[in-house]
Amino acid sequence: MLPWKRLVRPLAALLLAVGVTLPTAAGAHAAAAPSSGWNDWSCKPSAAHPRPVVLVHGTFGNSVDNWLGLAPYLKNRGYCVFSLDYGQLPGVPLFHGLGPTEKSAEQLDAYVDKVLAATGAAEADLVGHSQGGMMPRHYLKFLGGADEVNALIGIAPSNHGTTLGGLTRLLPYFPGAEDLLTEATPALADQVAGSDFLTRLNAGGDTVPGVRYTVIATRYDEVVTPYRSAYLTGPDVRNVLLQDLCPLDLSEHLAIGLLDRIAFHEVANSLDPAHAERTTCASVFS
């Protein structure tokens, strides 16, 4: 094996290991079965919650594992909740969100159309974790999604990419590393700070008119680094730091999306700001 290949493979493995949302062992089995309590295509939105909620998983996630916490939380509060799989690679089961991000946005577009047709709603609300909080912005900006979406709530979203604590700056020093990353896992390459995809996405501003944006970030994010790169600028944007809501909350990138009920409470506030209740450390019990 050539010396540079010995360096490229460990680096690619490191990027994969640090930048993913890995299913739990139990969740891996759940992903093969229908979700429980959501993805009910007979659900009709209520007057209290007139828009369906579409959950968009993160890199290496799927429509079940990523939402075993948040989906029931929202369903129990009266929302019609749906979740999709996107970014599948041939021969790779369960672990999704790996394909080209632009193609994933097209999948989201088609899925939202399906949800709106089934529910009879005019608009949907989107909630995404990690890549799932960033990728929908391509749909909103370039695929007409702003006409179909009321709000986008990103949980630790990779809106301006990641440096992985500076590791991505090492890629140019490993010949072939960037090409390998792009060919094997295009979505990971798209999420490197300064990528062509992110440059196009963020050109001319982070937001589009007619959509409300919320970003919920954590100071302890070890994947989206620096954590402030998750934030958006523009009108109708609300950036929230989890530790400003509860200083005791130590959730990092995975926990904030998978099981953090303080973050979930703030998601519910963002979905229904007219009836928002202050999020504190005690919200873990709500």
C-alpha atoms as a PDB file:
ATOM      1  CA  MET A   1       0.000   0.000   0.000  1.00  0.00           C
ATOM      2  CA  LEU A   2       1.278   3.470  -0.884  1.00  0.00           C
ATOM      3  CA  PRO A   3       2.254   5.601   2.165  1.00  0.00           C
ATOM      4  CA  TRP A   4      -0.331   8.295   1.386  1.00  0.00           C
ATOM      5  CA  LYS A   5      -3.097   5.693   1.346  1.00  0.00           C
ATOM      6  CA  ARG A   6      -2.089   4.624   4.850  1.00  0.00           C
ATOM      7  CA  LEU A   7      -2.738   8.202   5.941  1.00  0.00           C
ATOM      8  CA  VAL A   8      -5.905   8.819   3.935  1.00  0.00           C
ATOM      9  CA  ARG A   9      -7.835   5.838   5.244  1.00  0.00           C
ATOM     10  CA  PRO A  10      -7.392   6.600   8.955  1.00  0.00           C
ATOM     11  CA  LEU A  11      -8.273  10.244   8.322  1.00  0.00           C
ATOM     12  CA  ALA A  12     -11.433   9.313   6.448  1.00  0.00           C
ATOM     13  CA  ALA A  13     -12.338   6.867   9.208  1.00  0.00           C
ATOM     14  CA  LEU A  14     -11.835   9.615  11.776  1.00  0.00           C
ATOM     15  CA  LEU A  15     -14.111  11.984   9.880  1.00  0.00           C
ATOM     16  CA  LEU A  16     -16.740   9.290   9.698  1.00  0.00           C
ATOM     17  CA  ALA A  17     -16.438   8.414  13.376  1.00  0.00           C
ATOM     18  CA  VAL A  18     -16.652  11.969  14.651  1.00  0.00           C
ATOM     19  CA  GLY A  19     -19.231  13.349  12.249  1.00  0.00           C
ATOM     20  CA  VAL A  20     -22.057  10.859  12.404  1.00  0.00           C
ATOM     21  CA  THR A  21     -25.266  10.070  14.216  1.00  0.00           C
ATOM     22  CA  LEU A  22     -24.903   6.365  14.969  1.00  0.00           C
ATOM     23  CA  PRO A  23     -28.015   4.319  15.722  1.00  0.00           C
ATOM     24  CA  THR A  24     -28.170   2.441  19.002  1.00  0.00           C
ATOM     25  CA  ALA A  25     -28.297  -1.334  18.886  1.00  0.00           C
ATOM     26  CA  ALA A  26     -31.976  -1.258  19.794  1.00  0.00           C
ATOM     27  CA  GLY A  27     -32.624   1.486  17.278  1.00  0.00           C
ATOM     28  CA  ALA A  28     -31.011  -0.507  14.492  1.00  0.00           C
ATOM     29  CA  HIS A  29     -33.726  -3.111  14.946  1.00  0.00           C
ATOM     30  CA  ALA A  30     -36.381  -0.411  15.184  1.00  0.00           C
ATOM     31  CA  ALA A  31     -35.305   1.100  11.878  1.00  0.00           C
ATOM     32  CA  ALA A  32     -36.399  -2.039  10.084  1.00  0.00           C
ATOM     33  CA  ALA A  33     -39.887  -1.812  11.599  1.00  0.00           C
ATOM     34  CA  PRO A  34     -42.623   0.807  11.239  1.00  0.00           C
ATOM     35  CA  SER A  35     -42.218   3.764  13.541  1.00  0.00           C
ATOM     36  CA  SER A  36     -44.484   3.829  16.577  1.00  0.00           C
ATOM     37  CA  GLY A  37     -46.859   6.722  17.035  1.00  0.00           C
ATOM     38  CA  TRP A  38     -45.754   8.783  14.056  1.00  0.00           C
ATOM     39  CA  ASN A  39     -45.757   8.492  10.268  1.00  0.00           C
ATOM     40  CA  ASP A  40     -49.505   8.009  10.563  1.00  0.00           C
ATOM     41  CA  TRP A  41     -50.703   8.930   7.089  1.00  0.00           C
ATOM     42  CA  SER A  42     -54.283   9.202   8.293  1.00  0.00           C
ATOM     43  CA  CYS A  43     -53.367  11.954  10.779  1.00  0.00           C
ATOM     44  CA  LYS A  44     -55.124  15.274  10.199  1.00  0.00           C
ATOM     45  CA  PRO A  45     -53.671  18.412  11.814  1.00  0.00           C
ATOM     46  CA  SER A  46     -55.787  20.002  14.535  1.00  0.00           C
ATOM     47  CA  ALA A  47     -56.783  23.636  14.883  1.00  0.00           C
ATOM     48  CA  ALA A  48     -54.268  23.914  17.708  1.00  0.00           C
ATOM     49  CA  HIS A  49     -51.455  22.459  15.584  1.00  0.00           C
ATOM     50  CA  PRO A  50     -52.487  23.080  11.971  1.00  0.00           C
ATOM     51  CA  ARG A  51     -49.194  22.127  10.321  1.00  0.00           C
ATOM     52  CA  PRO A  52     -47.610  18.660  10.117  1.00  0.00           C
ATOM     53  CA  VAL A  53     -44.064  18.347  11.414  1.00  0.00           C
ATOM     54  CA  VAL A  54     -41.453  16.680   9.205  1.00  0.00           C
ATOM     55  CA  LEU A  55     -38.372  15.388  11.030  1.00  0.00           C
ATOM     56  CA  VAL A  56     -35.122  15.316   9.043  1.00  0.00           C
ATOM     57  CA  HIS A  57     -32.407  13.036  10.433  1.00  0.00           C
ATOM     58  CA  GLY A  58     -28.673  13.696  10.491  1.00  0.00           C
ATOM     59  CA  THR A  59     -25.704  12.115   8.741  1.00  0.00           C
ATOM     60  CA  PHE A  60     -25.589   8.349   9.297  1.00  0.00           C
ATOM     61  CA  GLY A  61     -29.045   8.537  10.863  1.00  0.00           C
ATOM     62  CA  ASN A  62     -32.389   7.249   9.674  1.00  0.00           C
ATOM     63  CA  SER A  63     -36.086   8.016   9.980  1.00  0.00           C
ATOM     64  CA  VAL A  64     -36.540   5.994  13.172  1.00  0.00           C
ATOM     65  CA  ASP A  65     -33.350   5.958  15.230  1.00  0.00           C
ATOM     66  CA  ASN A  66     -32.814   9.706  15.121  1.00  0.00           C
ATOM     67  CA  TRP A  67     -36.332  10.382  16.435  1.00  0.00           C
ATOM     68  CA  LEU A  68     -37.060   7.796  19.117  1.00  0.00           C
ATOM     69  CA  GLY A  69     -37.112  10.674  21.603  1.00  0.00           C
ATOM     70  CA  LEU A  70     -38.472  13.720  19.795  1.00  0.00           C
ATOM     71  CA  ALA A  71     -41.132  12.090  17.597  1.00  0.00           C
ATOM     72  CA  PRO A  72     -43.178  10.649  20.499  1.00  0.00           C
ATOM     73  CA  TYR A  73     -42.616  13.891  22.443  1.00  0.00           C
ATOM     74  CA  LEU A  74     -44.289  15.908  19.682  1.00  0.00           C
ATOM     75  CA  LYS A  75     -46.903  13.259  18.875  1.00  0.00           C
ATOM     76  CA  ASN A  76     -48.004  13.252  22.513  1.00  0.00           C
ATOM     77  CA  ARG A  77     -48.499  17.015  22.249  1.00  0.00           C
ATOM     78  CA  GLY A  78     -50.977  16.666  19.434  1.00  0.00           C
ATOM     79  CA  TYR A  79     -48.825  17.098  16.321  1.00  0.00           C
ATOM     80  CA  CYS A  80     -48.997  15.056  13.137  1.00  0.00           C
ATOM     81  CA  VAL A  81     -45.397  13.896  12.914  1.00  0.00           C
ATOM     82  CA  PHE A  82     -43.584  12.417   9.936  1.00  0.00           C
ATOM     83  CA  SER A  83     -39.983  11.403   9.250  1.00  0.00           C
ATOM     84  CA  LEU A  84     -38.186  10.424   6.088  1.00  0.00           C
ATOM     85  CA  ASP A  85     -35.067   8.556   5.032  1.00  0.00           C
ATOM     86  CA  TYR A  86     -32.812  10.397   2.598  1.00  0.00           C
ATOM     87  CA  GLY A  87     -29.299  10.294   1.224  1.00  0.00           C
ATOM     88  CA  GLN A  88     -29.151   6.505   0.916  1.00  0.00           C
ATOM     89  CA  LEU A  89     -26.113   4.879  -0.675  1.00  0.00           C
ATOM     90  CA  PRO A  90     -26.399   1.576  -2.580  1.00  0.00           C
ATOM     91  CA  GLY A  91     -25.710  -1.410  -0.366  1.00  0.00           C
ATOM     92  CA  VAL A  92     -25.690   0.638   2.860  1.00  0.00           C
ATOM     93  CA  PRO A  93     -28.718  -0.192   5.028  1.00  0.00           C
ATOM     94  CA  LEU A  94     -29.844   1.841   8.078  1.00  0.00           C
ATOM     95  CA  PHE A  95     -27.085   4.462   7.796  1.00  0.00           C
ATOM     96  CA  HIS A  96     -28.417   7.261   5.601  1.00  0.00           C
ATOM     97  CA  GLY A  97     -27.756  10.936   4.945  1.00  0.00           C
ATOM     98  CA  LEU A  98     -24.580  10.089   3.026  1.00  0.00           C
ATOM     99  CA  GLY A  99     -25.470  10.927  -0.569  1.00  0.00           C
ATOM    100  CA  PRO A 100     -25.029  14.295  -2.303  1.00  0.00           C
ATOM    101  CA  THR A 101     -26.818  16.939  -0.267  1.00  0.00           C
ATOM    102  CA  GLU A 102     -28.516  18.498  -3.291  1.00  0.00           C
ATOM    103  CA  LYS A 103     -30.094  15.133  -4.136  1.00  0.00           C
ATOM    104  CA  SER A 104     -31.175  14.717  -0.517  1.00  0.00           C
ATOM    105  CA  ALA A 105     -32.928  18.079  -0.724  1.00  0.00           C
ATOM    106  CA  GLU A 106     -34.849  16.798  -3.742  1.00  0.00           C
ATOM    107  CA  GLN A 107     -35.939  13.782  -1.709  1.00  0.00           C
ATOM    108  CA  LEU A 108     -37.119  16.111   1.061  1.00  0.00           C
ATOM    109  CA  ASP A 109     -39.055  18.178  -1.480  1.00  0.00           C
ATOM    110  CA  ALA A 110     -40.917  15.105  -2.705  1.00  0.00           C
ATOM    111  CA  TYR A 111     -41.583  13.913   0.837  1.00  0.00           C
ATOM    112  CA  VAL A 112     -43.038  17.235   1.983  1.00  0.00           C
ATOM    113  CA  ASP A 113     -45.321  17.207  -1.070  1.00  0.00           C
ATOM    114  CA  LYS A 114     -46.520  13.753   0.000  1.00  0.00           C
ATOM    115  CA  VAL A 115     -47.134  14.889   3.595  1.00  0.00           C
ATOM    116  CA  LEU A 116     -49.065  17.983   2.505  1.00  0.00           C
ATOM    117  CA  ALA A 117     -51.193  15.947   0.122  1.00  0.00           C
ATOM    118  CA  ALA A 118     -52.017  13.391   2.821  1.00  0.00           C
ATOM    119  CA  THR A 119     -52.786  15.884   5.576  1.00  0.00           C
ATOM    120  CA  GLY A 120     -54.457  18.577   3.482  1.00  0.00           C
ATOM    121  CA  ALA A 121     -52.229  21.218   5.084  1.00  0.00           C
ATOM    122  CA  ALA A 122     -50.934  24.179   3.112  1.00  0.00           C
ATOM    123  CA  GLU A 123     -47.559  24.238   4.859  1.00  0.00           C
ATOM    124  CA  ALA A 124     -45.344  22.042   7.008  1.00  0.00           C
ATOM    125  CA  ASP A 125     -42.825  22.730   9.745  1.00  0.00           C
ATOM    126  CA  LEU A 126     -39.392  21.108   9.511  1.00  0.00           C
ATOM    127  CA  VAL A 127     -37.218  19.980  12.418  1.00  0.00           C
ATOM    128  CA  GLY A 128     -33.766  18.664  11.592  1.00  0.00           C
ATOM    129  CA  HIS A 129     -30.717  17.444  13.475  1.00  0.00           C
ATOM    130  CA  SER A 130     -27.175  18.139  12.245  1.00  0.00           C
ATOM    131  CA  GLN A 131     -27.184  17.792   8.426  1.00  0.00           C
ATOM    132  CA  GLY A 132     -30.956  17.543   8.734  1.00  0.00           C
ATOM    133  CA  GLY A 133     -31.075  21.106  10.018  1.00  0.00           C
ATOM    134  CA  MET A 134     -28.892  22.422   7.201  1.00  0.00           C
ATOM    135  CA  MET A 135     -29.911  20.418   4.120  1.00  0.00           C
ATOM    136  CA  PRO A 136     -33.515  21.717   4.109  1.00  0.00           C
ATOM    137  CA  ARG A 137     -32.162  25.203   3.461  1.00  0.00           C
ATOM    138  CA  HIS A 138     -31.234  24.071  -0.062  1.00  0.00           C
ATOM    139  CA  TYR A 139     -34.832  22.952  -0.544  1.00  0.00           C
ATOM    140  CA  LEU A 140     -36.101  26.292   0.780  1.00  0.00           C
ATOM    141  CA  LYS A 141     -33.729  28.389  -1.312  1.00  0.00           C
ATOM    142  CA  PHE A 142     -33.483  26.549  -4.613  1.00  0.00           C
ATOM    143  CA  LEU A 143     -36.428  24.120  -4.878  1.00  0.00           C
ATOM    144  CA  GLY A 144     -39.393  26.303  -3.956  1.00  0.00           C
ATOM    145  CA  GLY A 145     -39.646  25.030  -0.411  1.00  0.00           C
ATOM    146  CA  ALA A 146     -40.352  28.484   1.000  1.00  0.00           C
ATOM    147  CA  ASP A 147     -43.878  28.187  -0.431  1.00  0.00           C
ATOM    148  CA  GLU A 148     -44.467  24.920   1.454  1.00  0.00           C
ATOM    149  CA  VAL A 149     -42.698  25.513   4.772  1.00  0.00           C
ATOM    150  CA  ASN A 150     -43.613  27.772   7.666  1.00  0.00           C
ATOM    151  CA  ALA A 151     -40.622  27.148   9.942  1.00  0.00           C
ATOM    152  CA  LEU A 152     -37.268  25.366   9.981  1.00  0.00           C
ATOM    153  CA  ILE A 153     -35.885  24.365  13.372  1.00  0.00           C
ATOM    154  CA  GLY A 154     -32.303  23.132  13.347  1.00  0.00           C
ATOM    155  CA  ILE A 155     -30.873  21.170  16.268  1.00  0.00           C
ATOM    156  CA  ALA A 156     -27.069  21.529  16.142  1.00  0.00           C
ATOM    157  CA  PRO A 157     -27.274  22.117  12.373  1.00  0.00           C
ATOM    158  CA  SER A 158     -24.188  22.238  10.158  1.00  0.00           C
ATOM    159  CA  ASN A 159     -25.277  25.521   8.580  1.00  0.00           C
ATOM    160  CA  HIS A 160     -21.784  26.811   7.858  1.00  0.00           C
ATOM    161  CA  GLY A 161     -20.009  23.486   7.897  1.00  0.00           C
ATOM    162  CA  THR A 162     -17.540  22.153  10.389  1.00  0.00           C
ATOM    163  CA  THR A 163     -13.822  22.165  10.956  1.00  0.00           C
ATOM    164  CA  LEU A 164     -14.091  19.110  13.240  1.00  0.00           C
ATOM    165  CA  GLY A 165     -11.961  20.965  15.731  1.00  0.00           C
ATOM    166  CA  GLY A 166      -9.450  21.875  13.027  1.00  0.00           C
ATOM    167  CA  LEU A 167      -9.070  18.377  11.563  1.00  0.00           C
ATOM    168  CA  THR A 168     -10.566  19.327   8.200  1.00  0.00           C
ATOM    169  CA  ARG A 169      -7.755  21.819   7.705  1.00  0.00           C
ATOM    170  CA  LEU A 170      -5.408  18.838   7.453  1.00  0.00           C
ATOM    171  CA  LEU A 171      -7.136  17.408   4.375  1.00  0.00           C
ATOM    172  CA  PRO A 172      -4.947  19.264   1.830  1.00  0.00           C
ATOM    173  CA  TYR A 173      -1.877  17.653   3.391  1.00  0.00           C
ATOM    174  CA  PHE A 174      -3.105  14.166   2.507  1.00  0.00           C
ATOM    175  CA  PRO A 175      -3.142  13.741  -1.286  1.00  0.00           C
ATOM    176  CA  GLY A 176      -6.341  12.109  -2.422  1.00  0.00           C
ATOM    177  CA  ALA A 177      -8.134  12.533   0.925  1.00  0.00           C
ATOM    178  CA  GLU A 178     -10.650  15.075  -0.306  1.00  0.00           C
ATOM    179  CA  ASP A 179     -11.415  13.061  -3.435  1.00  0.00           C
ATOM    180  CA  LEU A 180     -11.880   9.917  -1.352  1.00  0.00           C
ATOM    181  CA  LEU A 181     -14.256  11.689   1.013  1.00  0.00           C
ATOM    182  CA  THR A 182     -16.274  13.151  -1.862  1.00  0.00           C
ATOM    183  CA  GLU A 183     -16.566   9.842  -3.697  1.00  0.00           C
ATOM    184  CA  ALA A 184     -17.316   7.637  -0.674  1.00  0.00           C
ATOM    185  CA  THR A 185     -19.567   9.930   1.374  1.00  0.00           C
ATOM    186  CA  PRO A 186     -20.542  13.057  -0.572  1.00  0.00           C
ATOM    187  CA  ALA A 187     -22.621  14.500   2.294  1.00  0.00           C
ATOM    188  CA  LEU A 188     -19.610  14.565   4.600  1.00  0.00           C
ATOM    189  CA  ALA A 189     -17.568  16.426   1.996  1.00  0.00           C
ATOM    190  CA  ASP A 190     -20.441  18.883   1.523  1.00  0.00           C
ATOM    191  CA  GLN A 191     -20.382  19.664   5.256  1.00  0.00           C
ATOM    192  CA  VAL A 192     -16.714  20.596   5.477  1.00  0.00           C
ATOM    193  CA  ALA A 193     -16.456  24.334   6.150  1.00  0.00           C
ATOM    194  CA  GLY A 194     -15.801  26.169   2.894  1.00  0.00           C
ATOM    195  CA  SER A 195     -17.132  23.405   0.630  1.00  0.00           C
ATOM    196  CA  ASP A 196     -18.544  24.328  -2.763  1.00  0.00           C
ATOM    197  CA  PHE A 197     -21.994  23.236  -1.608  1.00  0.00           C
ATOM    198  CA  LEU A 198     -21.982  25.469   1.479  1.00  0.00           C
ATOM    199  CA  THR A 199     -20.541  28.382  -0.466  1.00  0.00           C
ATOM    200  CA  ARG A 200     -23.491  28.228  -2.868  1.00  0.00           C
ATOM    201  CA  LEU A 201     -25.995  27.659  -0.081  1.00  0.00           C
ATOM    202  CA  ASN A 202     -24.903  30.648   1.981  1.00  0.00           C
ATOM    203  CA  ALA A 203     -24.216  33.063  -0.868  1.00  0.00           C
ATOM    204  CA  GLY A 204     -26.466  36.096  -0.688  1.00  0.00           C
ATOM    205  CA  GLY A 205     -27.664  35.384   2.842  1.00  0.00           C
ATOM    206  CA  ASP A 206     -28.599  32.514   5.115  1.00  0.00           C
ATOM    207  CA  THR A 207     -32.381  32.780   4.891  1.00  0.00           C
ATOM    208  CA  VAL A 208     -35.260  33.205   2.477  1.00  0.00           C
ATOM    209  CA  PRO A 209     -38.361  35.349   3.035  1.00  0.00           C
ATOM    210  CA  GLY A 210     -41.485  33.789   4.467  1.00  0.00           C
ATOM    211  CA  VAL A 211     -39.827  31.155   6.656  1.00  0.00           C
ATOM    212  CA  ARG A 212     -39.146  31.353  10.408  1.00  0.00           C
ATOM    213  CA  TYR A 213     -35.785  29.935  11.464  1.00  0.00           C
ATOM    214  CA  THR A 214     -34.685  28.614  14.847  1.00  0.00           C
ATOM    215  CA  VAL A 215     -31.254  27.210  15.660  1.00  0.00           C
ATOM    216  CA  ILE A 216     -30.696  25.314  18.906  1.00  0.00           C
ATOM    217  CA  ALA A 217     -26.974  24.847  19.508  1.00  0.00           C
ATOM    218  CA  THR A 218     -24.874  23.401  22.326  1.00  0.00           C
ATOM    219  CA  ARG A 219     -21.629  24.750  23.660  1.00  0.00           C
ATOM    220  CA  TYR A 220     -20.333  21.186  23.884  1.00  0.00           C
ATOM    221  CA  ASP A 221     -20.817  20.318  20.215  1.00  0.00           C
ATOM    222  CA  GLU A 222     -17.780  18.316  19.119  1.00  0.00           C
ATOM    223  CA  VAL A 223     -19.027  17.737  15.560  1.00  0.00           C
ATOM    224  CA  VAL A 224     -20.251  21.138  14.368  1.00  0.00           C
ATOM    225  CA  THR A 225     -17.237  23.237  15.308  1.00  0.00           C
ATOM    226  CA  PRO A 226     -17.052  25.972  16.241  1.00  0.00           C
ATOM    227  CA  TYR A 227     -20.549  25.589  17.665  1.00  0.00           C
ATOM    228  CA  ARG A 228     -21.474  29.144  16.700  1.00  0.00           C
ATOM    229  CA  SER A 229     -21.134  28.130  13.043  1.00  0.00           C
ATOM    230  CA  ALA A 230     -24.574  26.568  13.462  1.00  0.00           C
ATOM    231  CA  TYR A 231     -26.107  30.023  13.888  1.00  0.00           C
ATOM    232  CA  LEU A 232     -27.913  31.835  11.090  1.00  0.00           C
ATOM    233  CA  THR A 233     -28.168  35.522  10.350  1.00  0.00           C
ATOM    234  CA  GLY A 234     -31.077  37.330   8.764  1.00  0.00           C
ATOM    235  CA  PRO A 235     -34.696  38.262   9.415  1.00  0.00           C
ATOM    236  CA  ASP A 236     -36.971  35.834  11.266  1.00  0.00           C
ATOM    237  CA  VAL A 237     -33.982  34.055  12.815  1.00  0.00           C
ATOM    238  CA  ARG A 238     -33.741  32.995  16.435  1.00  0.00           C
ATOM    239  CA  ASN A 239     -30.454  31.489  17.630  1.00  0.00           C
ATOM    240  CA  VAL A 240     -30.622  29.678  20.968  1.00  0.00           C
ATOM    241  CA  LEU A 241     -27.760  28.261  23.032  1.00  0.00           C
ATOM    242  CA  LEU A 242     -28.884  25.273  25.084  1.00  0.00           C
ATOM    243  CA  GLN A 243     -26.754  26.302  28.038  1.00  0.00           C
ATOM    244  CA  ASP A 244     -28.482  29.699  28.174  1.00  0.00           C
ATOM    245  CA  LEU A 245     -31.694  27.783  28.834  1.00  0.00           C
ATOM    246  CA  CYS A 246     -30.123  25.406  31.351  1.00  0.00           C
ATOM    247  CA  PRO A 247     -26.471  25.930  32.387  1.00  0.00           C
ATOM    248  CA  LEU A 248     -26.382  22.376  33.773  1.00  0.00           C
ATOM    249  CA  ASP A 249     -27.140  20.786  30.397  1.00  0.00           C
ATOM    250  CA  LEU A 250     -23.981  19.062  29.123  1.00  0.00           C
ATOM    251  CA  SER A 251     -25.460  17.572  25.954  1.00  0.00           C
ATOM    252  CA  GLU A 252     -23.101  17.346  23.009  1.00  0.00           C
ATOM    253  CA  HIS A 253     -23.891  16.886  19.315  1.00  0.00           C
ATOM    254  CA  LEU A 254     -25.634  13.530  19.493  1.00  0.00           C
ATOM    255  CA  ALA A 255     -27.433  13.890  22.817  1.00  0.00           C
ATOM    256  CA  ILE A 256     -29.035  17.235  21.959  1.00  0.00           C
ATOM    257  CA  GLY A 257     -30.893  15.633  19.065  1.00  0.00           C
ATOM    258  CA  LEU A 258     -31.506  12.155  20.415  1.00  0.00           C
ATOM    259  CA  LEU A 259     -32.641  12.544  24.010  1.00  0.00           C
ATOM    260  CA  ASP A 260     -32.391  16.089  25.383  1.00  0.00           C
ATOM    261  CA  ARG A 261     -35.848  17.039  26.650  1.00  0.00           C
ATOM    262  CA  ILE A 262     -34.743  20.609  27.304  1.00  0.00           C
ATOM    263  CA  ALA A 263     -33.971  20.922  23.598  1.00  0.00           C
ATOM    264  CA  PHE A 264     -37.254  19.154  22.820  1.00  0.00           C
ATOM    265  CA  HIS A 265     -39.142  21.693  24.932  1.00  0.00           C
ATOM    266  CA  GLU A 266     -37.552  24.515  22.964  1.00  0.00           C
ATOM    267  CA  VAL A 267     -38.480  22.788  19.707  1.00  0.00           C
ATOM    268  CA  ALA A 268     -42.099  22.735  20.881  1.00  0.00           C
ATOM    269  CA  ASN A 269     -41.854  26.445  21.726  1.00  0.00           C
ATOM    270  CA  SER A 270     -40.526  27.178  18.253  1.00  0.00           C
ATOM    271  CA  LEU A 271     -43.314  25.205  16.610  1.00  0.00           C
ATOM    272  CA  ASP A 272     -45.953  27.146  18.544  1.00  0.00           C
ATOM    273  CA  PRO A 273     -44.414  30.459  19.648  1.00  0.00           C
ATOM    274  CA  ALA A 274     -47.819  31.949  20.512  1.00  0.00           C
ATOM    275  CA  HIS A 275     -48.106  29.451  23.375  1.00  0.00           C
ATOM    276  CA  ALA A 276     -44.433  29.139  24.290  1.00  0.00           C
ATOM    277  CA  GLU A 277     -43.507  28.403  27.881  1.00  0.00           C
ATOM    278  CA  ARG A 278     -40.121  29.390  29.240  1.00  0.00           C
ATOM    279  CA  THR A 279     -37.549  26.621  28.858  1.00  0.00           C
ATOM    280  CA  THR A 280     -35.461  25.942  31.981  1.00  0.00           C
ATOM    281  CA  CYS A 281     -33.643  22.987  33.533  1.00  0.00           C
ATOM    282  CA  ALA A 282     -37.018  21.936  34.947  1.00  0.00           C
ATOM    283  CA  SER A 283     -38.317  21.463  31.389  1.00  0.00           C
ATOM    284  CA  VAL A 284     -36.709  18.028  31.438  1.00  0.00           C
ATOM    285  CA  PHE A 285     -39.765  16.936  33.422  1.00  0.00           C
ATOM    286  CA  SER A 286     -42.353  18.509  31.142  1.00  0.00           C
END
